[in-house]
């Protein structure tokens, strides 16, 4: 077994991967840990509204605020207090949705908060490919790349491998060395700086916690939303996580 890290999605993949998204992944995990039946991920506000038809809880932000018709934003502190037991939640997460278009069904979602559990699950299923979430055409995410390097190093140790990292994994691991405290990468990232400017340092701290969750979200369903049928600007996809 060798460990591969893609700094951006690079399909095709022969089987499930561990998709790394420290921001939206933390939100998905918090909702599932709070008892949500499932969490759908959408690329656009309109696609999210289609997925939420029938009573789903709409969560998301555009320029720091929930879009019109949405129930809640994406503050991790606020998500901890939401009553979502037994409900379907729909998350507006363009970057994560873009990455999900490139990964196979049954892939896992990993981030700092579920690091230990995600690694054990990946080892049990012999998943050796980690993919740092990034939207199509966008540069690698500093935060997701460093977290992927963090997870790859620990998966290498867990599997008892020596020199088991492929080139992308070594790049992520070298980047990790620039941050003696890997959580500092979140602070230095574009998303982390935006949270600090918005006075949301508590959300940053919550995303930085390591191995505090037992949930490993799994991609279990993909729904195609035809543009003409649903009044969308283009055909979109909805991605369903359970765990």
Protein backbone atom coordinates (compact mmCIF):
# COMPACT_ATOMS: atom_id res chain seq x y z
CA UNK A 1 0.00 0.00 0.00
CA UNK A 2 1.30 3.43 -0.91
CA UNK A 3 -0.29 6.73 0.03
CA UNK A 4 -1.21 9.24 -2.63
CA UNK A 5 -2.27 12.84 -2.04
CA UNK A 6 -3.81 14.90 -4.82
CA UNK A 7 -3.44 18.61 -4.06
CA UNK A 8 -6.49 19.18 -6.27
CA UNK A 9 -8.91 16.53 -7.54
CA UNK A 10 -7.31 14.54 -10.35
CA UNK A 11 -9.74 11.90 -11.59
CA UNK A 12 -10.39 9.21 -12.57
CA UNK A 13 -10.17 7.24 -9.33
CA UNK A 14 -10.47 3.46 -9.26
CA UNK A 15 -12.27 3.40 -5.93
CA UNK A 16 -13.33 5.51 -2.94
CA UNK A 17 -10.94 8.19 -1.67
CA UNK A 18 -10.56 10.19 1.53
CA UNK A 19 -11.64 13.70 0.51
CA UNK A 20 -10.14 16.33 2.82
CA UNK A 21 -12.11 19.52 3.53
CA UNK A 22 -11.40 21.15 6.86
CA UNK A 23 -14.08 23.87 6.60
CA UNK A 24 -17.18 22.40 4.96
CA UNK A 25 -16.22 18.94 6.21
CA UNK A 26 -16.38 20.19 9.79
CA UNK A 27 -19.88 21.55 9.13
CA UNK A 28 -21.08 18.25 7.63
CA UNK A 29 -19.62 16.33 10.56
CA UNK A 30 -21.16 18.62 13.17
CA UNK A 31 -24.61 18.23 11.63
CA UNK A 32 -24.35 14.44 11.48
CA UNK A 33 -22.99 14.35 15.04
CA UNK A 34 -26.03 16.38 16.12
CA UNK A 35 -28.32 13.69 14.75
CA UNK A 36 -29.08 14.86 11.21
CA UNK A 37 -30.37 11.97 9.13
CA UNK A 38 -28.34 13.09 6.13
CA UNK A 39 -26.50 16.13 4.80
CA UNK A 40 -26.72 17.13 1.15
CA UNK A 41 -24.09 19.36 -0.44
CA UNK A 42 -24.94 21.74 -3.30
CA UNK A 43 -22.94 24.05 -5.52
CA UNK A 44 -25.53 26.85 -5.89
CA UNK A 45 -28.24 28.39 -3.73
CA UNK A 46 -30.96 27.38 -6.19
CA UNK A 47 -29.72 23.78 -6.32
CA UNK A 48 -29.70 23.72 -2.51
CA UNK A 49 -33.31 24.93 -2.45
CA UNK A 50 -34.32 22.14 -4.85
CA UNK A 51 -32.64 19.55 -2.65
CA UNK A 52 -34.37 20.97 0.45
CA UNK A 53 -37.89 20.68 -1.01
CA UNK A 54 -40.04 18.74 1.42
CA UNK A 55 -38.68 20.30 4.59
CA UNK A 56 -34.89 20.21 4.50
CA UNK A 57 -32.90 22.65 6.63
CA UNK A 58 -31.02 25.09 4.38
CA UNK A 59 -27.58 26.22 5.55
CA UNK A 60 -25.06 28.38 3.77
CA UNK A 61 -23.49 31.77 3.28
CA UNK A 62 -22.79 34.21 0.50
CA UNK A 63 -20.52 37.10 1.49
CA UNK A 64 -20.86 36.06 5.12
CA UNK A 65 -24.67 35.96 5.27
CA UNK A 66 -27.29 33.28 4.58
CA UNK A 67 -28.87 33.70 1.12
CA UNK A 68 -32.53 34.66 0.96
CA UNK A 69 -34.70 31.74 2.03
CA UNK A 70 -31.93 29.97 3.96
CA UNK A 71 -32.47 29.06 7.60
CA UNK A 72 -28.94 29.35 8.99
CA UNK A 73 -25.38 30.36 8.17
CA UNK A 74 -22.27 28.21 8.58
CA UNK A 75 -20.90 29.29 11.96
CA UNK A 76 -19.61 26.09 13.57
CA UNK A 77 -20.49 27.44 17.00
CA UNK A 78 -24.08 28.02 15.88
CA UNK A 79 -24.25 24.62 14.18
CA UNK A 80 -23.34 22.95 17.47
CA UNK A 81 -26.55 24.30 18.98
CA UNK A 82 -28.93 23.50 16.11
CA UNK A 83 -31.74 21.01 16.69
CA UNK A 84 -31.41 18.82 13.60
CA UNK A 85 -32.04 15.32 14.96
CA UNK A 86 -33.76 13.19 12.32
CA UNK A 87 -33.77 16.02 9.77
CA UNK A 88 -32.34 16.40 6.29
CA UNK A 89 -29.85 19.27 6.06
CA UNK A 90 -28.72 20.92 2.83
CA UNK A 91 -25.39 22.74 2.77
CA UNK A 92 -24.43 25.39 0.22
CA UNK A 93 -20.75 24.54 -0.26
CA UNK A 94 -19.52 25.39 -3.78
CA UNK A 95 -15.91 24.33 -3.26
CA UNK A 96 -16.78 20.99 -1.69
CA UNK A 97 -19.48 20.32 -4.30
CA UNK A 98 -16.99 21.05 -7.08
CA UNK A 99 -14.52 18.56 -5.61
CA UNK A 100 -17.24 15.95 -5.14
CA UNK A 101 -17.95 16.00 -8.88
CA UNK A 102 -14.57 14.28 -9.30
CA UNK A 103 -14.63 11.55 -6.63
CA UNK A 104 -16.37 8.15 -6.57
CA UNK A 105 -19.43 7.15 -4.60
CA UNK A 106 -18.71 5.86 -1.06
CA UNK A 107 -15.73 8.17 -0.61
CA UNK A 108 -15.08 9.39 2.94
CA UNK A 109 -14.80 12.95 4.23
CA UNK A 110 -11.87 13.79 6.50
CA UNK A 111 -10.79 16.88 8.44
CA UNK A 112 -9.03 17.70 11.71
CA UNK A 113 -12.06 17.07 13.91
CA UNK A 114 -12.51 13.44 12.83
CA UNK A 115 -8.85 12.69 12.03
CA UNK A 116 -8.38 9.56 14.15
CA UNK A 117 -11.67 7.93 13.14
CA UNK A 118 -11.26 8.82 9.45
CA UNK A 119 -7.77 7.32 9.38
CA UNK A 120 -8.88 4.08 11.02
CA UNK A 121 -11.77 3.81 8.56
CA UNK A 122 -9.46 4.49 5.61
CA UNK A 123 -7.03 1.85 6.83
CA UNK A 124 -9.80 -0.73 7.31
CA UNK A 125 -11.06 -0.11 3.78
CA UNK A 126 -7.53 0.12 2.34
CA UNK A 127 -8.14 3.61 1.02
CA UNK A 128 -4.73 5.01 0.17
CA UNK A 129 -5.70 8.08 -1.85
CA UNK A 130 -6.33 11.41 -0.14
CA UNK A 131 -7.72 14.32 -2.15
CA UNK A 132 -7.49 17.91 -0.90
CA UNK A 133 -10.81 19.55 -1.79
CA UNK A 134 -10.56 22.38 -4.31
CA UNK A 135 -13.00 23.59 -6.92
CA UNK A 136 -12.31 22.95 -10.59
CA UNK A 137 -9.81 25.40 -12.02
CA UNK A 138 -8.87 26.77 -8.60
CA UNK A 139 -5.40 26.54 -7.03
CA UNK A 140 -4.80 24.12 -4.15
CA UNK A 141 -6.24 25.11 -0.79
CA UNK A 142 -3.48 25.77 1.76
CA UNK A 143 -5.63 24.56 4.64
CA UNK A 144 -6.86 21.39 2.92
CA UNK A 145 -3.39 20.55 1.58
CA UNK A 146 -1.78 20.82 5.02
CA UNK A 147 -4.54 18.76 6.62
CA UNK A 148 -4.12 16.16 3.85
CA UNK A 149 -0.39 16.05 4.60
CA UNK A 150 -1.15 15.68 8.31
CA UNK A 151 -3.51 12.78 7.64
CA UNK A 152 -1.17 11.13 5.11
CA UNK A 153 1.73 11.09 7.57
CA UNK A 154 -0.46 9.51 10.25
CA UNK A 155 -1.93 6.99 7.83
CA UNK A 156 1.62 6.01 6.87
CA UNK A 157 2.43 5.45 10.55
CA UNK A 158 -0.84 3.62 11.22
CA UNK A 159 -0.22 1.26 8.31
CA UNK A 160 3.37 0.64 9.42
CA UNK A 161 4.80 1.85 6.12
CA UNK A 162 8.31 3.12 5.45
CA UNK A 163 8.67 5.61 2.61
CA UNK A 164 5.07 4.92 1.69
CA UNK A 165 4.26 8.41 0.43
CA UNK A 166 3.96 9.10 -3.30
CA UNK A 167 5.07 12.43 -4.76
CA UNK A 168 1.91 14.44 -4.03
CA UNK A 169 1.86 13.10 -0.49
CA UNK A 170 5.50 14.11 -0.02
CA UNK A 171 4.72 17.63 -1.28
CA UNK A 172 1.88 17.92 1.24
CA UNK A 173 4.09 16.52 3.99
CA UNK A 174 6.86 19.03 3.17
CA UNK A 175 4.34 21.86 3.32
CA UNK A 176 3.21 20.51 6.68
CA UNK A 177 6.77 20.97 7.98
CA UNK A 178 6.41 24.73 7.46
CA UNK A 179 3.82 24.68 10.23
CA UNK A 180 5.19 23.08 13.43
CA UNK A 181 1.63 23.47 14.68
CA UNK A 182 -0.46 22.27 11.69
CA UNK A 183 -3.45 24.16 13.04
CA UNK A 184 -1.56 27.39 12.28
CA UNK A 185 -2.07 26.62 8.59
CA UNK A 186 -5.76 27.21 9.09
CA UNK A 187 -5.05 30.64 10.56
CA UNK A 188 -2.77 31.57 7.66
CA UNK A 189 -5.13 30.30 4.96
CA UNK A 190 -7.38 32.58 2.93
CA UNK A 191 -10.48 31.14 4.62
CA UNK A 192 -8.95 31.45 8.07
CA UNK A 193 -8.03 35.08 7.51
CA UNK A 194 -11.59 35.79 6.32
CA UNK A 195 -12.98 34.27 9.52
CA UNK A 196 -10.65 36.42 11.63
CA UNK A 197 -11.67 39.58 9.78
CA UNK A 198 -15.31 38.69 10.40
CA UNK A 199 -14.67 38.25 14.13
CA UNK A 200 -15.26 34.49 13.96
CA UNK A 201 -12.12 33.26 15.66
CA UNK A 202 -14.20 30.74 17.62
CA UNK A 203 -15.21 29.02 14.37
CA UNK A 204 -11.54 28.85 13.43
CA UNK A 205 -10.72 27.28 16.79
CA UNK A 206 -13.49 24.69 16.42
CA UNK A 207 -12.27 23.65 12.95
CA UNK A 208 -8.75 23.30 14.40
CA UNK A 209 -9.67 20.73 17.04
CA UNK A 210 -8.12 17.35 16.31
CA UNK A 211 -9.92 14.00 16.75
CA UNK A 212 -12.91 15.22 18.74
CA UNK A 213 -15.54 13.51 16.54
CA UNK A 214 -16.41 9.88 15.94
CA UNK A 215 -18.34 10.43 12.70
CA UNK A 216 -16.87 9.75 9.27
CA UNK A 217 -19.23 11.18 6.64
CA UNK A 218 -19.59 8.90 3.62
CA UNK A 219 -20.83 9.91 0.17
CA UNK A 220 -23.80 7.58 -0.35
CA UNK A 221 -25.87 9.18 -3.11
CA UNK A 222 -25.51 11.61 -6.01
CA UNK A 223 -28.58 13.28 -7.48
CA UNK A 224 -28.57 14.91 -10.92
CA UNK A 225 -30.56 18.15 -11.11
CA UNK A 226 -31.50 18.85 -14.72
CA UNK A 227 -31.32 22.56 -15.58
CA UNK A 228 -34.54 22.71 -17.60
CA UNK A 229 -36.59 20.69 -15.11
CA UNK A 230 -35.55 22.66 -12.04
CA UNK A 231 -35.03 26.13 -13.49
CA UNK A 232 -31.26 26.13 -12.98
CA UNK A 233 -28.72 28.04 -15.04
CA UNK A 234 -27.01 24.70 -15.76
CA UNK A 235 -27.34 21.08 -14.70
CA UNK A 236 -26.12 20.61 -11.14
CA UNK A 237 -25.58 17.71 -8.75
CA UNK A 238 -26.51 17.11 -5.15
CA UNK A 239 -24.24 14.98 -2.96
CA UNK A 240 -25.59 13.12 0.06
CA UNK A 241 -23.52 12.24 3.14
CA UNK A 242 -24.48 9.91 5.94
CA UNK A 243 -22.30 8.63 8.73
